[in-house]
Structure formats: C-alpha cells, structure tokens
C-alpha atoms as a PDB file:
ATOM      1  CA  UNK A   1       0.213  -0.282  -0.231  1.00  0.00           C
ATOM      2  CA  UNK A   2       1.043   3.768  -0.584  1.00  0.00           C
ATOM      3  CA  UNK A   3       2.049   5.498   2.317  1.00  0.00           C
ATOM      4  CA  UNK A   4       0.142   9.217   2.739  1.00  0.00           C
ATOM      5  CA  UNK A   5       3.518  10.996   1.769  1.00  0.00           C
ATOM      6  CA  UNK A   6       3.439   9.010  -1.621  1.00  0.00           C
ATOM      7  CA  UNK A   7      -0.335   9.782  -2.253  1.00  0.00           C
ATOM      8  CA  UNK A   8       0.361  13.595  -1.773  1.00  0.00           C
ATOM      9  CA  UNK A   9       3.313  13.351  -4.256  1.00  0.00           C
ATOM     10  CA  UNK A  10       1.435  11.395  -6.798  1.00  0.00           C
ATOM     11  CA  UNK A  11      -1.339  14.161  -6.683  1.00  0.00           C
ATOM     12  CA  UNK A  12       0.929  16.678  -7.393  1.00  0.00           C
ATOM     13  CA  UNK A  13       2.940  15.093 -10.072  1.00  0.00           C
ATOM     14  CA  UNK A  14      -0.395  14.961 -11.999  1.00  0.00           C
ATOM     15  CA  UNK A  15      -0.172  17.195 -15.121  1.00  0.00           C
ATOM     16  CA  UNK A  16      -3.990  16.658 -16.105  1.00  0.00           C
ATOM     17  CA  UNK A  17      -5.396  17.967 -12.567  1.00  0.00           C
ATOM     18  CA  UNK A  18      -7.652  15.238 -13.280  1.00  0.00           C
ATOM     19  CA  UNK A  19      -9.393  13.127  -9.995  1.00  0.00           C
ATOM     20  CA  UNK A  20     -10.007  10.829 -12.179  1.00  0.00           C
ATOM     21  CA  UNK A  21      -6.442   9.822 -13.544  1.00  0.00           C
ATOM     22  CA  UNK A  22      -5.164  10.248 -10.091  1.00  0.00           C
ATOM     23  CA  UNK A  23      -7.086   7.726  -8.610  1.00  0.00           C
ATOM     24  CA  UNK A  24      -7.275   5.300 -11.195  1.00  0.00           C
ATOM     25  CA  UNK A  25      -2.954   5.477 -10.705  1.00  0.00           C
ATOM     26  CA  UNK A  26      -3.146   5.300  -6.745  1.00  0.00           C
ATOM     27  CA  UNK A  27      -5.834   2.066  -7.227  1.00  0.00           C
ATOM     28  CA  UNK A  28      -3.128   0.368  -9.588  1.00  0.00           C
ATOM     29  CA  UNK A  29      -0.448   0.824  -7.300  1.00  0.00           C
ATOM     30  CA  UNK A  30      -2.575   0.245  -3.923  1.00  0.00           C
ATOM     31  CA  UNK A  31      -4.273  -3.142  -5.433  1.00  0.00           C
ATOM     32  CA  UNK A  32      -1.574  -5.026  -7.281  1.00  0.00           C
ATOM     33  CA  UNK A  33      -3.339  -8.360  -5.900  1.00  0.00           C
ATOM     34  CA  UNK A  34      -6.395  -8.045  -8.028  1.00  0.00           C
ATOM     35  CA  UNK A  35      -6.945  -9.875 -11.019  1.00  0.00           C
ATOM     36  CA  UNK A  36      -8.961 -10.069 -14.283  1.00  0.00           C
ATOM     37  CA  UNK A  37      -9.884  -7.084 -16.294  1.00  0.00           C
ATOM     38  CA  UNK A  38     -12.774  -5.909 -14.584  1.00  0.00           C
ATOM     39  CA  UNK A  39     -11.387  -6.735 -11.367  1.00  0.00           C
ATOM     40  CA  UNK A  40     -10.554  -3.623  -8.695  1.00  0.00           C
ATOM     41  CA  UNK A  41     -10.307  -3.478  -4.943  1.00  0.00           C
ATOM     42  CA  UNK A  42     -11.647  -6.492  -2.741  1.00  0.00           C
ATOM     43  CA  UNK A  43     -12.970  -8.224  -6.046  1.00  0.00           C
ATOM     44  CA  UNK A  44     -15.516  -5.281  -6.460  1.00  0.00           C
ATOM     45  CA  UNK A  45     -16.021  -3.622 -10.297  1.00  0.00           C
ATOM     46  CA  UNK A  46     -16.004   0.121 -10.496  1.00  0.00           C
ATOM     47  CA  UNK A  47     -15.037   0.068 -14.063  1.00  0.00           C
ATOM     48  CA  UNK A  48     -17.158   1.614 -16.669  1.00  0.00           C
ATOM     49  CA  UNK A  49     -18.909  -0.692 -19.923  1.00  0.00           C
ATOM     50  CA  UNK A  50     -17.620   1.091 -23.386  1.00  0.00           C
ATOM     51  CA  UNK A  51     -21.130   2.512 -23.476  1.00  0.00           C
ATOM     52  CA  UNK A  52     -20.816   4.413 -20.320  1.00  0.00           C
ATOM     53  CA  UNK A  53     -17.541   5.533 -21.420  1.00  0.00           C
ATOM     54  CA  UNK A  54     -18.717   6.730 -24.370  1.00  0.00           C
ATOM     55  CA  UNK A  55     -21.447   8.570 -22.930  1.00  0.00           C
ATOM     56  CA  UNK A  56     -19.387   9.767 -20.336  1.00  0.00           C
ATOM     57  CA  UNK A  57     -16.840  11.064 -23.114  1.00  0.00           C
ATOM     58  CA  UNK A  58     -19.707  12.473 -25.228  1.00  0.00           C
ATOM     59  CA  UNK A  59     -21.228  14.283 -22.023  1.00  0.00           C
ATOM     60  CA  UNK A  60     -17.721  15.443 -21.284  1.00  0.00           C
ATOM     61  CA  UNK A  61     -17.223  16.828 -24.204  1.00  0.00           C
ATOM     62  CA  UNK A  62     -20.379  18.871 -24.344  1.00  0.00           C
ATOM     63  CA  UNK A  63     -19.798  20.169 -21.001  1.00  0.00           C
ATOM     64  CA  UNK A  64     -16.634  21.889 -22.175  1.00  0.00           C
ATOM     65  CA  UNK A  65     -17.193  22.985 -25.405  1.00  0.00           C
ATOM     66  CA  UNK A  66     -21.307  24.251 -24.754  1.00  0.00           C
ATOM     67  CA  UNK A  67     -21.782  24.870 -21.326  1.00  0.00           C
ATOM     68  CA  UNK A  68     -18.399  26.021 -19.396  1.00  0.00           C
ATOM     69  CA  UNK A  69     -17.766  29.049 -21.983  1.00  0.00           C
ATOM     70  CA  UNK A  70     -21.448  30.498 -21.784  1.00  0.00           C
ATOM     71  CA  UNK A  71     -21.774  29.713 -17.901  1.00  0.00           C
ATOM     72  CA  UNK A  72     -20.550  33.351 -16.833  1.00  0.00           C
ATOM     73  CA  UNK A  73     -22.903  34.828 -19.037  1.00  0.00           C
ATOM     74  CA  UNK A  74     -25.808  33.075 -18.047  1.00  0.00           C
ATOM     75  CA  UNK A  75     -25.114  33.357 -14.418  1.00  0.00           C
ATOM     76  CA  UNK A  76     -24.753  36.706 -15.173  1.00  0.00           C
ATOM     77  CA  UNK A  77     -28.081  37.699 -17.098  1.00  0.00           C
ATOM     78  CA  UNK A  78     -30.112  34.961 -15.768  1.00  0.00           C
ATOM     79  CA  UNK A  79     -31.199  33.905 -18.985  1.00  0.00           C
ATOM     80  CA  UNK A  80     -32.427  30.418 -19.236  1.00  0.00           C
ATOM     81  CA  UNK A  81     -29.884  28.183 -21.497  1.00  0.00           C
ATOM     82  CA  UNK A  82     -32.468  27.216 -24.056  1.00  0.00           C
ATOM     83  CA  UNK A  83     -30.081  27.193 -26.835  1.00  0.00           C
ATOM     84  CA  UNK A  84     -27.662  24.495 -24.750  1.00  0.00           C
ATOM     85  CA  UNK A  85     -30.589  22.843 -23.928  1.00  0.00           C
ATOM     86  CA  UNK A  86     -31.355  22.252 -27.835  1.00  0.00           C
ATOM     87  CA  UNK A  87     -27.763  21.027 -28.397  1.00  0.00           C
ATOM     88  CA  UNK A  88     -27.946  18.704 -25.577  1.00  0.00           C
ATOM     89  CA  UNK A  89     -31.542  17.199 -26.682  1.00  0.00           C
ATOM     90  CA  UNK A  90     -30.168  16.597 -30.261  1.00  0.00           C
ATOM     91  CA  UNK A  91     -27.186  14.766 -28.979  1.00  0.00           C
ATOM     92  CA  UNK A  92     -29.903  12.115 -26.589  1.00  0.00           C
ATOM     93  CA  UNK A  93     -28.549  13.725 -23.469  1.00  0.00           C
ATOM     94  CA  UNK A  94     -31.670  15.418 -22.136  1.00  0.00           C
ATOM     95  CA  UNK A  95     -33.270  11.954 -22.550  1.00  0.00           C
ATOM     96  CA  UNK A  96     -31.214   9.649 -20.918  1.00  0.00           C
ATOM     97  CA  UNK A  97     -33.952   7.771 -18.199  1.00  0.00           C
ATOM     98  CA  UNK A  98     -36.877   7.834 -20.460  1.00  0.00           C
ATOM     99  CA  UNK A  99     -37.596   4.280 -21.979  1.00  0.00           C
ATOM    100  CA  UNK A 100     -36.958   3.213 -25.382  1.00  0.00           C
ATOM    101  CA  UNK A 101     -40.762   2.695 -26.000  1.00  0.00           C
ATOM    102  CA  UNK A 102     -41.836   6.231 -25.804  1.00  0.00           C
ATOM    103  CA  UNK A 103     -38.408   7.417 -27.676  1.00  0.00           C
ATOM    104  CA  UNK A 104     -35.594   7.732 -24.921  1.00  0.00           C
ATOM    105  CA  UNK A 105     -32.441   6.067 -24.477  1.00  0.00           C
ATOM    106  CA  UNK A 106     -33.529   3.755 -21.995  1.00  0.00           C
ATOM    107  CA  UNK A 107     -30.251   4.117 -19.852  1.00  0.00           C
ATOM    108  CA  UNK A 108     -29.461   3.212 -16.410  1.00  0.00           C
ATOM    109  CA  UNK A 109     -29.484   5.197 -12.808  1.00  0.00           C
ATOM    110  CA  UNK A 110     -25.794   5.033 -13.428  1.00  0.00           C
ATOM    111  CA  UNK A 111     -25.651   6.623 -17.083  1.00  0.00           C
ATOM    112  CA  UNK A 112     -27.475   9.551 -15.791  1.00  0.00           C
ATOM    113  CA  UNK A 113     -24.824  10.133 -12.815  1.00  0.00           C
ATOM    114  CA  UNK A 114     -22.358  10.246 -15.471  1.00  0.00           C
ATOM    115  CA  UNK A 115     -24.055  12.712 -17.130  1.00  0.00           C
ATOM    116  CA  UNK A 116     -25.097  14.695 -14.715  1.00  0.00           C
ATOM    117  CA  UNK A 117     -21.537  14.992 -13.230  1.00  0.00           C
ATOM    118  CA  UNK A 118     -20.313  16.104 -16.420  1.00  0.00           C
ATOM    119  CA  UNK A 119     -23.078  19.109 -16.814  1.00  0.00           C
ATOM    120  CA  UNK A 120     -22.370  20.325 -13.218  1.00  0.00           C
ATOM    121  CA  UNK A 121     -18.778  20.203 -14.067  1.00  0.00           C
ATOM    122  CA  UNK A 122     -19.486  22.838 -17.030  1.00  0.00           C
ATOM    123  CA  UNK A 123     -21.928  24.742 -14.681  1.00  0.00           C
ATOM    124  CA  UNK A 124     -24.095  24.008 -11.499  1.00  0.00           C
ATOM    125  CA  UNK A 125     -27.036  26.309 -12.419  1.00  0.00           C
ATOM    126  CA  UNK A 126     -27.079  25.383 -16.468  1.00  0.00           C
ATOM    127  CA  UNK A 127     -26.773  21.662 -15.049  1.00  0.00           C
ATOM    128  CA  UNK A 128     -29.749  22.126 -12.711  1.00  0.00           C
ATOM    129  CA  UNK A 129     -31.872  23.334 -15.433  1.00  0.00           C
ATOM    130  CA  UNK A 130     -30.866  20.373 -17.704  1.00  0.00           C
ATOM    131  CA  UNK A 131     -31.362  17.431 -15.594  1.00  0.00           C
ATOM    132  CA  UNK A 132     -34.310  18.433 -13.140  1.00  0.00           C
ATOM    133  CA  UNK A 133     -36.711  17.213 -16.101  1.00  0.00           C
ATOM    134  CA  UNK A 134     -35.299  13.667 -14.431  1.00  0.00           C
ATOM    135  CA  UNK A 135     -37.208  14.468 -11.365  1.00  0.00           C
ATOM    136  CA  UNK A 136     -40.410  16.095 -12.891  1.00  0.00           C
ATOM    137  CA  UNK A 137     -40.449  12.827 -14.934  1.00  0.00           C
ATOM    138  CA  UNK A 138     -39.551  10.201 -12.174  1.00  0.00           C
ATOM    139  CA  UNK A 139     -43.592   9.845 -10.670  1.00  0.00           C
ATOM    140  CA  UNK A 140     -44.504   9.232 -14.299  1.00  0.00           C
ATOM    141  CA  UNK A 141     -41.834   6.570 -15.229  1.00  0.00           C
ATOM    142  CA  UNK A 142     -42.926   5.121 -11.799  1.00  0.00           C
ATOM    143  CA  UNK A 143     -46.909   5.314 -11.762  1.00  0.00           C
ATOM    144  CA  UNK A 144     -47.738   6.286 -15.041  1.00  0.00           C
ATOM    145  CA  UNK A 145     -50.052   4.358 -17.509  1.00  0.00           C
ATOM    146  CA  UNK A 146     -48.685   3.872 -20.498  1.00  0.00           C
ATOM    147  CA  UNK A 147     -50.983   6.630 -22.022  1.00  0.00           C
ATOM    148  CA  UNK A 148     -49.852   9.331 -19.761  1.00  0.00           C
ATOM    149  CA  UNK A 149     -46.118   7.999 -20.631  1.00  0.00           C
ATOM    150  CA  UNK A 150     -46.519   8.220 -24.155  1.00  0.00           C
ATOM    151  CA  UNK A 151     -48.289  11.842 -24.137  1.00  0.00           C
ATOM    152  CA  UNK A 152     -46.363  13.234 -21.830  1.00  0.00           C
ATOM    153  CA  UNK A 153     -42.839  11.727 -21.933  1.00  0.00           C
ATOM    154  CA  UNK A 154     -42.951  10.813 -25.679  1.00  0.00           C
ATOM    155  CA  UNK A 155     -43.256  14.524 -26.489  1.00  0.00           C
ATOM    156  CA  UNK A 156     -40.024  15.300 -24.534  1.00  0.00           C
ATOM    157  CA  UNK A 157     -38.142  12.645 -26.623  1.00  0.00           C
ATOM    158  CA  UNK A 158     -39.635  14.326 -29.895  1.00  0.00           C
ATOM    159  CA  UNK A 159     -38.624  17.824 -29.195  1.00  0.00           C
ATOM    160  CA  UNK A 160     -36.724  19.811 -26.182  1.00  0.00           C
ATOM    161  CA  UNK A 161     -39.953  20.314 -23.671  1.00  0.00           C
ATOM    162  CA  UNK A 162     -39.294  20.756 -19.779  1.00  0.00           C
ATOM    163  CA  UNK A 163     -41.337  19.281 -16.763  1.00  0.00           C
ATOM    164  CA  UNK A 164     -41.462  20.361 -13.109  1.00  0.00           C
ATOM    165  CA  UNK A 165     -41.927  18.547  -9.784  1.00  0.00           C
ATOM    166  CA  UNK A 166     -44.247  20.542  -7.687  1.00  0.00           C
ATOM    167  CA  UNK A 167     -44.171  19.041  -3.965  1.00  0.00           C
ATOM    168  CA  UNK A 168     -42.427  21.807  -1.850  1.00  0.00           C
ATOM    169  CA  UNK A 169     -44.737  24.695  -0.329  1.00  0.00           C
ATOM    170  CA  UNK A 170     -44.057  28.170   1.223  1.00  0.00           C
ATOM    171  CA  UNK A 171     -44.233  26.362   4.469  1.00  0.00           C
ATOM    172  CA  UNK A 172     -43.081  22.812   3.646  1.00  0.00           C
ATOM    173  CA  UNK A 173     -40.470  21.558   2.164  1.00  0.00           C
ATOM    174  CA  UNK A 174     -38.953  18.429   2.968  1.00  0.00           C
ATOM    175  CA  UNK A 175     -41.921  17.528   5.329  1.00  0.00           C
ATOM    176  CA  UNK A 176     -43.960  16.199   2.343  1.00  0.00           C
ATOM    177  CA  UNK A 177     -46.538  15.199   4.957  1.00  0.00           C
ATOM    178  CA  UNK A 178     -47.304  18.530   5.858  1.00  0.00           C
ATOM    179  CA  UNK A 179     -48.417  19.863   1.997  1.00  0.00           C
ATOM    180  CA  UNK A 180     -51.498  21.847   2.264  1.00  0.00           C
ATOM    181  CA  UNK A 181     -52.633  22.167  -1.468  1.00  0.00           C
ATOM    182  CA  UNK A 182     -55.685  20.614  -1.711  1.00  0.00           C
ATOM    183  CA  UNK A 183     -57.683  18.612  -4.250  1.00  0.00           C
ATOM    184  CA  UNK A 184     -61.155  17.795  -4.140  1.00  0.00           C
ATOM    185  CA  UNK A 185     -63.156  15.522  -6.507  1.00  0.00           C
ATOM    186  CA  UNK A 186     -66.162  17.022  -8.306  1.00  0.00           C
ATOM    187  CA  UNK A 187     -69.688  15.288  -9.504  1.00  0.00           C
ATOM    188  CA  UNK A 188     -67.885  14.698 -12.931  1.00  0.00           C
ATOM    189  CA  UNK A 189     -64.741  12.779 -10.642  1.00  0.00           C
ATOM    190  CA  UNK A 190     -62.611  15.282 -12.138  1.00  0.00           C
ATOM    191  CA  UNK A 191     -60.348  17.183  -9.105  1.00  0.00           C
ATOM    192  CA  UNK A 192     -60.465  20.876  -8.268  1.00  0.00           C
ATOM    193  CA  UNK A 193     -56.722  21.951  -7.583  1.00  0.00           C
ATOM    194  CA  UNK A 194     -55.999  24.661  -5.285  1.00  0.00           C
ATOM    195  CA  UNK A 195     -52.835  25.511  -3.280  1.00  0.00           C
ATOM    196  CA  UNK A 196     -49.346  27.388  -3.766  1.00  0.00           C
ATOM    197  CA  UNK A 197     -46.036  25.789  -4.488  1.00  0.00           C
ATOM    198  CA  UNK A 198     -42.590  27.199  -3.867  1.00  0.00           C
ATOM    199  CA  UNK A 199     -39.004  26.549  -5.165  1.00  0.00           C
ATOM    200  CA  UNK A 200     -40.451  24.766  -8.025  1.00  0.00           C
ATOM    201  CA  UNK A 201     -37.011  24.255 -10.377  1.00  0.00           C
ATOM    202  CA  UNK A 202     -37.914  24.914 -14.166  1.00  0.00           C
ATOM    203  CA  UNK A 203     -41.537  26.252 -13.215  1.00  0.00           C
ATOM    204  CA  UNK A 204     -41.225  28.966 -15.490  1.00  0.00           C
ATOM    205  CA  UNK A 205     -40.530  26.822 -18.760  1.00  0.00           C
ATOM    206  CA  UNK A 206     -42.179  23.772 -17.534  1.00  0.00           C
ATOM    207  CA  UNK A 207     -44.780  22.486 -19.985  1.00  0.00           C
ATOM    208  CA  UNK A 208     -46.226  20.383 -17.476  1.00  0.00           C
ATOM    209  CA  UNK A 209     -46.373  19.746 -13.548  1.00  0.00           C
ATOM    210  CA  UNK A 210     -46.194  16.581 -11.495  1.00  0.00           C
ATOM    211  CA  UNK A 211     -48.186  17.855  -8.676  1.00  0.00           C
ATOM    212  CA  UNK A 212     -48.732  16.886  -5.065  1.00  0.00           C
ATOM    213  CA  UNK A 213     -51.788  17.526  -3.383  1.00  0.00           C
ATOM    214  CA  UNK A 214     -54.043  16.499  -0.445  1.00  0.00           C
ATOM    215  CA  UNK A 215     -57.397  14.430  -1.310  1.00  0.00           C
ATOM    216  CA  UNK A 216     -58.375  12.821   1.968  1.00  0.00           C
ATOM    217  CA  UNK A 217     -59.427  15.943   4.041  1.00  0.00           C
ATOM    218  CA  UNK A 218     -59.001  14.198   7.829  1.00  0.00           C
ATOM    219  CA  UNK A 219     -56.089  15.891   9.380  1.00  0.00           C
ATOM    220  CA  UNK A 220     -55.506  12.717  10.779  1.00  0.00           C
ATOM    221  CA  UNK A 221     -55.359  10.322   8.032  1.00  0.00           C
ATOM    222  CA  UNK A 222     -52.222   8.679   7.488  1.00  0.00           C
ATOM    223  CA  UNK A 223     -49.487  10.098   4.986  1.00  0.00           C
ATOM    224  CA  UNK A 224     -49.515   7.365   2.834  1.00  0.00           C
ATOM    225  CA  UNK A 225     -53.447   7.896   2.213  1.00  0.00           C
ATOM    226  CA  UNK A 226     -53.761  11.282   2.017  1.00  0.00           C
ATOM    227  CA  UNK A 227     -52.124  12.644  -1.118  1.00  0.00           C
ATOM    228  CA  UNK A 228     -52.585  12.105  -4.924  1.00  0.00           C
ATOM    229  CA  UNK A 229     -50.186  12.758  -7.453  1.00  0.00           C
ATOM    230  CA  UNK A 230     -51.538  14.612 -10.482  1.00  0.00           C
ATOM    231  CA  UNK A 231     -50.128  15.754 -14.351  1.00  0.00           C
ATOM    232  CA  UNK A 232     -50.887  19.419 -14.378  1.00  0.00           C
ATOM    233  CA  UNK A 233     -50.406  21.219 -17.441  1.00  0.00           C
ATOM    234  CA  UNK A 234     -48.980  24.792 -17.298  1.00  0.00           C
ATOM    235  CA  UNK A 235     -51.696  26.126 -19.592  1.00  0.00           C
ATOM    236  CA  UNK A 236     -54.816  25.532 -17.887  1.00  0.00           C
ATOM    237  CA  UNK A 237     -56.915  27.742 -16.400  1.00  0.00           C
ATOM    238  CA  UNK A 238     -55.919  28.841 -12.700  1.00  0.00           C
ATOM    239  CA  UNK A 239     -52.318  27.759 -13.117  1.00  0.00           C
ATOM    240  CA  UNK A 240     -50.440  31.265 -12.409  1.00  0.00           C
ATOM    241  CA  UNK A 241     -46.681  31.002 -12.694  1.00  0.00           C
ATOM    242  CA  UNK A 242     -44.835  33.512 -10.213  1.00  0.00           C
ATOM    243  CA  UNK A 243     -41.573  35.849 -10.618  1.00  0.00           C
ATOM    244  CA  UNK A 244     -37.998  34.283 -10.736  1.00  0.00           C
ATOM    245  CA  UNK A 245     -35.800  33.668  -7.763  1.00  0.00           C
ATOM    246  CA  UNK A 246     -32.273  34.713  -8.293  1.00  0.00           C
ATOM    247  CA  UNK A 247     -30.716  31.976  -5.978  1.00  0.00           C
ATOM    248  CA  UNK A 248     -26.506  31.814  -6.246  1.00  0.00           C
ATOM    249  CA  UNK A 249     -25.103  29.706  -8.006  1.00  0.00           C
ATOM    250  CA  UNK A 250     -28.224  28.562  -9.419  1.00  0.00           C
ATOM    251  CA  UNK A 251     -29.082  32.063 -11.727  1.00  0.00           C
ATOM    252  CA  UNK A 252     -29.065  29.978 -14.875  1.00  0.00           C
ATOM    253  CA  UNK A 253     -31.896  27.607 -13.866  1.00  0.00           C
ATOM    254  CA  UNK A 254     -35.145  28.686 -13.273  1.00  0.00           C
ATOM    255  CA  UNK A 255     -36.756  28.510  -9.321  1.00  0.00           C
ATOM    256  CA  UNK A 256     -40.261  29.922  -9.320  1.00  0.00           C
ATOM    257  CA  UNK A 257     -43.639  29.538  -7.311  1.00  0.00           C
ATOM    258  CA  UNK A 258     -46.763  28.481  -8.803  1.00  0.00           C
ATOM    259  CA  UNK A 259     -50.545  29.071  -7.612  1.00  0.00           C
ATOM    260  CA  UNK A 260     -53.245  27.259  -8.439  1.00  0.00           C
ATOM    261  CA  UNK A 261     -56.818  28.849  -8.431  1.00  0.00           C
ATOM    262  CA  UNK A 262     -59.822  26.468  -9.220  1.00  0.00           C
ATOM    263  CA  UNK A 263     -57.746  24.308 -11.658  1.00  0.00           C
ATOM    264  CA  UNK A 264     -59.886  21.503 -13.027  1.00  0.00           C
ATOM    265  CA  UNK A 265     -57.675  18.661 -13.359  1.00  0.00           C
ATOM    266  CA  UNK A 266     -58.765  15.660 -15.402  1.00  0.00           C
ATOM    267  CA  UNK A 267     -59.652  12.119 -13.385  1.00  0.00           C
ATOM    268  CA  UNK A 268     -57.155  10.962 -16.708  1.00  0.00           C
ATOM    269  CA  UNK A 269     -54.065  13.093 -15.085  1.00  0.00           C
ATOM    270  CA  UNK A 270     -54.098  11.202 -11.751  1.00  0.00           C
ATOM    271  CA  UNK A 271     -50.729   9.036 -11.290  1.00  0.00           C
ATOM    272  CA  UNK A 272     -51.525   5.645 -10.044  1.00  0.00           C
ATOM    273  CA  UNK A 273     -54.663   6.110  -8.021  1.00  0.00           C
ATOM    274  CA  UNK A 274     -56.253   8.454  -5.369  1.00  0.00           C
ATOM    275  CA  UNK A 275     -54.237   8.291  -1.619  1.00  0.00           C
ATOM    276  CA  UNK A 276     -50.537   7.152  -3.077  1.00  0.00           C
ATOM    277  CA  UNK A 277     -49.192  10.658  -3.764  1.00  0.00           C
ATOM    278  CA  UNK A 278     -47.098  10.366  -0.856  1.00  0.00           C
ATOM    279  CA  UNK A 279     -45.257   6.663  -2.242  1.00  0.00           C
ATOM    280  CA  UNK A 280     -44.954   8.545  -5.718  1.00  0.00           C
ATOM    281  CA  UNK A 281     -43.376  11.305  -4.160  1.00  0.00           C
ATOM    282  CA  UNK A 282     -40.716   9.300  -2.056  1.00  0.00           C
ATOM    283  CA  UNK A 283     -40.008   7.143  -4.528  1.00  0.00           C
ATOM    284  CA  UNK A 284     -39.192   9.607  -7.315  1.00  0.00           C
ATOM    285  CA  UNK A 285     -36.876  11.215  -4.411  1.00  0.00           C
ATOM    286  CA  UNK A 286     -35.398   8.000  -4.249  1.00  0.00           C
ATOM    287  CA  UNK A 287     -34.596   7.580  -8.111  1.00  0.00           C
ATOM    288  CA  UNK A 288     -33.331  11.257  -8.726  1.00  0.00           C
ATOM    289  CA  UNK A 289     -31.147  11.744  -5.496  1.00  0.00           C
ATOM    290  CA  UNK A 290     -27.963   9.793  -6.964  1.00  0.00           C
ATOM    291  CA  UNK A 291     -27.705  12.336 -10.008  1.00  0.00           C
ATOM    292  CA  UNK A 292     -28.028  15.364  -7.752  1.00  0.00           C
ATOM    293  CA  UNK A 293     -25.005  13.863  -5.546  1.00  0.00           C
ATOM    294  CA  UNK A 294     -22.997  13.132  -8.790  1.00  0.00           C
ATOM    295  CA  UNK A 295     -23.796  16.909  -9.884  1.00  0.00           C
ATOM    296  CA  UNK A 296     -21.973  17.687  -6.508  1.00  0.00           C
ATOM    297  CA  UNK A 297     -19.340  15.644  -7.273  1.00  0.00           C
ATOM    298  CA  UNK A 298     -19.048  17.420 -10.843  1.00  0.00           C
ATOM    299  CA  UNK A 299     -18.915  20.652  -8.914  1.00  0.00           C
ATOM    300  CA  UNK A 300     -16.256  19.614  -6.575  1.00  0.00           C
ATOM    301  CA  UNK A 301     -13.997  18.542  -9.610  1.00  0.00           C
ATOM    302  CA  UNK A 302     -14.289  21.892 -11.184  1.00  0.00           C
ATOM    303  CA  UNK A 303     -13.352  23.570  -8.024  1.00  0.00           C
ATOM    304  CA  UNK A 304     -10.588  21.316  -7.869  1.00  0.00           C
ATOM    305  CA  UNK A 305      -9.760  21.622 -11.287  1.00  0.00           C
ATOM    306  CA  UNK A 306      -9.675  25.517 -11.180  1.00  0.00           C
ATOM    307  CA  UNK A 307      -8.335  25.542  -8.026  1.00  0.00           C
ATOM    308  CA  UNK A 308      -5.000  23.268  -9.157  1.00  0.00           C
ATOM    309  CA  UNK A 309      -4.598  25.101 -12.459  1.00  0.00           C
ATOM    310  CA  UNK A 310      -4.213  28.386 -10.134  1.00  0.00           C
ATOM    311  CA  UNK A 311      -1.775  27.282  -7.934  1.00  0.00           C
ATOM    312  CA  UNK A 312       0.530  26.519 -11.037  1.00  0.00           C
ATOM    313  CA  UNK A 313      -0.081  29.311 -12.138  1.00  0.00           C
ATOM    314  CA  UNK A 314       0.201  31.847  -9.361  1.00  0.00           C
ATOM    315  CA  UNK A 315       3.727  32.806  -7.970  1.00  0.00           C
ATOM    316  CA  UNK A 316       5.061  33.862  -4.941  1.00  0.00           C
ATOM    317  CA  UNK A 317       8.970  34.081  -3.538  1.00  0.00           C
ATOM    318  CA  UNK A 318      10.027  32.652  -6.882  1.00  0.00           C
ATOM    319  CA  UNK A 319       8.139  29.847  -7.544  1.00  0.00           C
ATOM    320  CA  UNK A 320       4.440  28.563  -8.134  1.00  0.00           C
ATOM    321  CA  UNK A 321       2.278  28.431  -4.743  1.00  0.00           C
ATOM    322  CA  UNK A 322       1.176  24.794  -6.030  1.00  0.00           C
ATOM    323  CA  UNK A 323       5.317  23.792  -4.389  1.00  0.00           C
ATOM    324  CA  UNK A 324       4.355  24.954  -0.990  1.00  0.00           C
ATOM    325  CA  UNK A 325       3.139  22.658   1.520  1.00  0.00           C
ATOM    326  CA  UNK A 326       0.306  24.244   2.468  1.00  0.00           C
ATOM    327  CA  UNK A 327      -1.160  24.227  -0.993  1.00  0.00           C
END
C-alpha cells in the first residue's frame, strides 16, 4: 500500500489535474494483487462499460465546449439556457432515463449520474436546468399509465420540452406530509386543485408539472393515504407562475412559485390512484437523488481543477504556489 506521503506526491505529479486519472493511478499501485480485466479492490468492479465511457465522453465534451464557455454570461444575466438545452437534446443527453418505448435512450441510473456530473462541471446552474427534468419525469416513469407516458414523456423525446416537480410549498419543504395544497373531486370525477408551490425548478419553462395535493380532508389521515399525485399542464386555466428567484450559483436555472386557483384536473391525469401520492413522491426522490449527488461531485471536480490550475500559475517567492506544503 502507498504511504500518505506517496499519495500526496502522486497527486501533485499529475499534469492533467484530474481526480479520475489520479484515482486510477493510486488504485493500480495500491491493489497489485487483483486480477481480471474488470477486477478492482476487494473484487469489486468500478469500471465503466464501453457504452458508459462513450456516454461520459460525449457529456464531458459537451460540457467543455457548450456549457462552460457560456456559464458566466448565463449566471450574470439569468437567461435560461435554451440554446444549450436544444443542442443537448439533439445528442440524446436530455432523455437518458426515458424508456425506448417512448423514444428515449433507455439508460440506467449510473448513466444519468455520469451525464449529471459532467453537466455540473460545466455550470451548476445550467446543469440544474438540464437535469431537473428527471425529477419531474420520475413520477410518470414509476406510476404513469402507458397512455400518460406516451403523451407526456414521448413528447419530450421528440422535442426539447421541460417539466417540473411540484411538491415543496412556502411552509413545507422536506416535510412532504405537511403539504397543504388540496384537490377535491367534483361531480364529474375530476379534481379541483387549489394551493401554492414554491422553489420549483423549471417552473417558468415547464410544459407540465407533477403536483402533490391532499385529497383526504381528514388531518389525522396517514400520509400514505392522504395525498394524490397529478399531472398538471402549465397552460390550464388557474395555473399562475410566479416571479423568478435569484439563487446564488443557480441563476441560470429557473426557480419560481406556482399558484393553483380552482384548476380543473381531469381524472385521466391522476397518477397511480387516489391516495398513493406520498409513495409516488418518495419514489421520485429516491430515483433522482443519486444524480444530484453526482452533480455535487462534478462541481467539486471543477473547483479542484480550477484551484489546481491556479496554484501552478500563481507565483510567490520565485516559484508557483503549488510547491508550498500548505497548498
């Protein structure tokens, strides 16, 4: 095994400033006993398939050529990155998790994480705008009927459309069971939606929303039975989109509130069935949290790359500051 000093020296000898290349060098030195093309430490396989490497390289090239050069301007102006989104959609990078049956790429969760990591390397704000679709799509993927998937997910494969996940409210964030938005069934079997959502990513540009609402008026009802998930189209009467919020590091994305004022939601737009909305919301969170974490890795990698690059450019006392032990 390498000593701590050897590890540090290996990092500073790396000329590409790449966490990935450093890691591969350390693993090769630290685990000479492993065997097999796909073997790794303790027999675990952390290697990507050829397809995954191709996806990673495509997303990486896109982030460096299309996202990073435009990041500062979008962060300054807050302009939504439509042109970047359109180019990513043309490459299939906007629909990795959608099934092939509706025109998507049919890729797995790891593939989506690889793309999210590279997008965030380019810009976290632009990356959020581009990957937030996955959260809005997840409830339909998990609980939608074939008709719902074809109508709402299929269109997103044909053209660069956006969707949003409407759960958070002004007084309710992670406490999903505290949602106050209500949906009451009328005589026609449709639902009348009233309430307010807040901090909804892509709200101002989405064509449709997943909305969680309370359908059981009993305040003592169990969370697993009290809520229902709906697909709500943005242009329906009564849907009012609020002003854009300016969030540090996220100005290129679009965060807004949404108010629902007596919005009539057809019964065909219920996801799953009445009362299972809490389960749908939790399932969507579970499915989409890994790409969020991957995005954080991408941001950390960019910070390391920029800091390392600067440490070799900045000079003090006759040498670059990378040579100082504190750095």
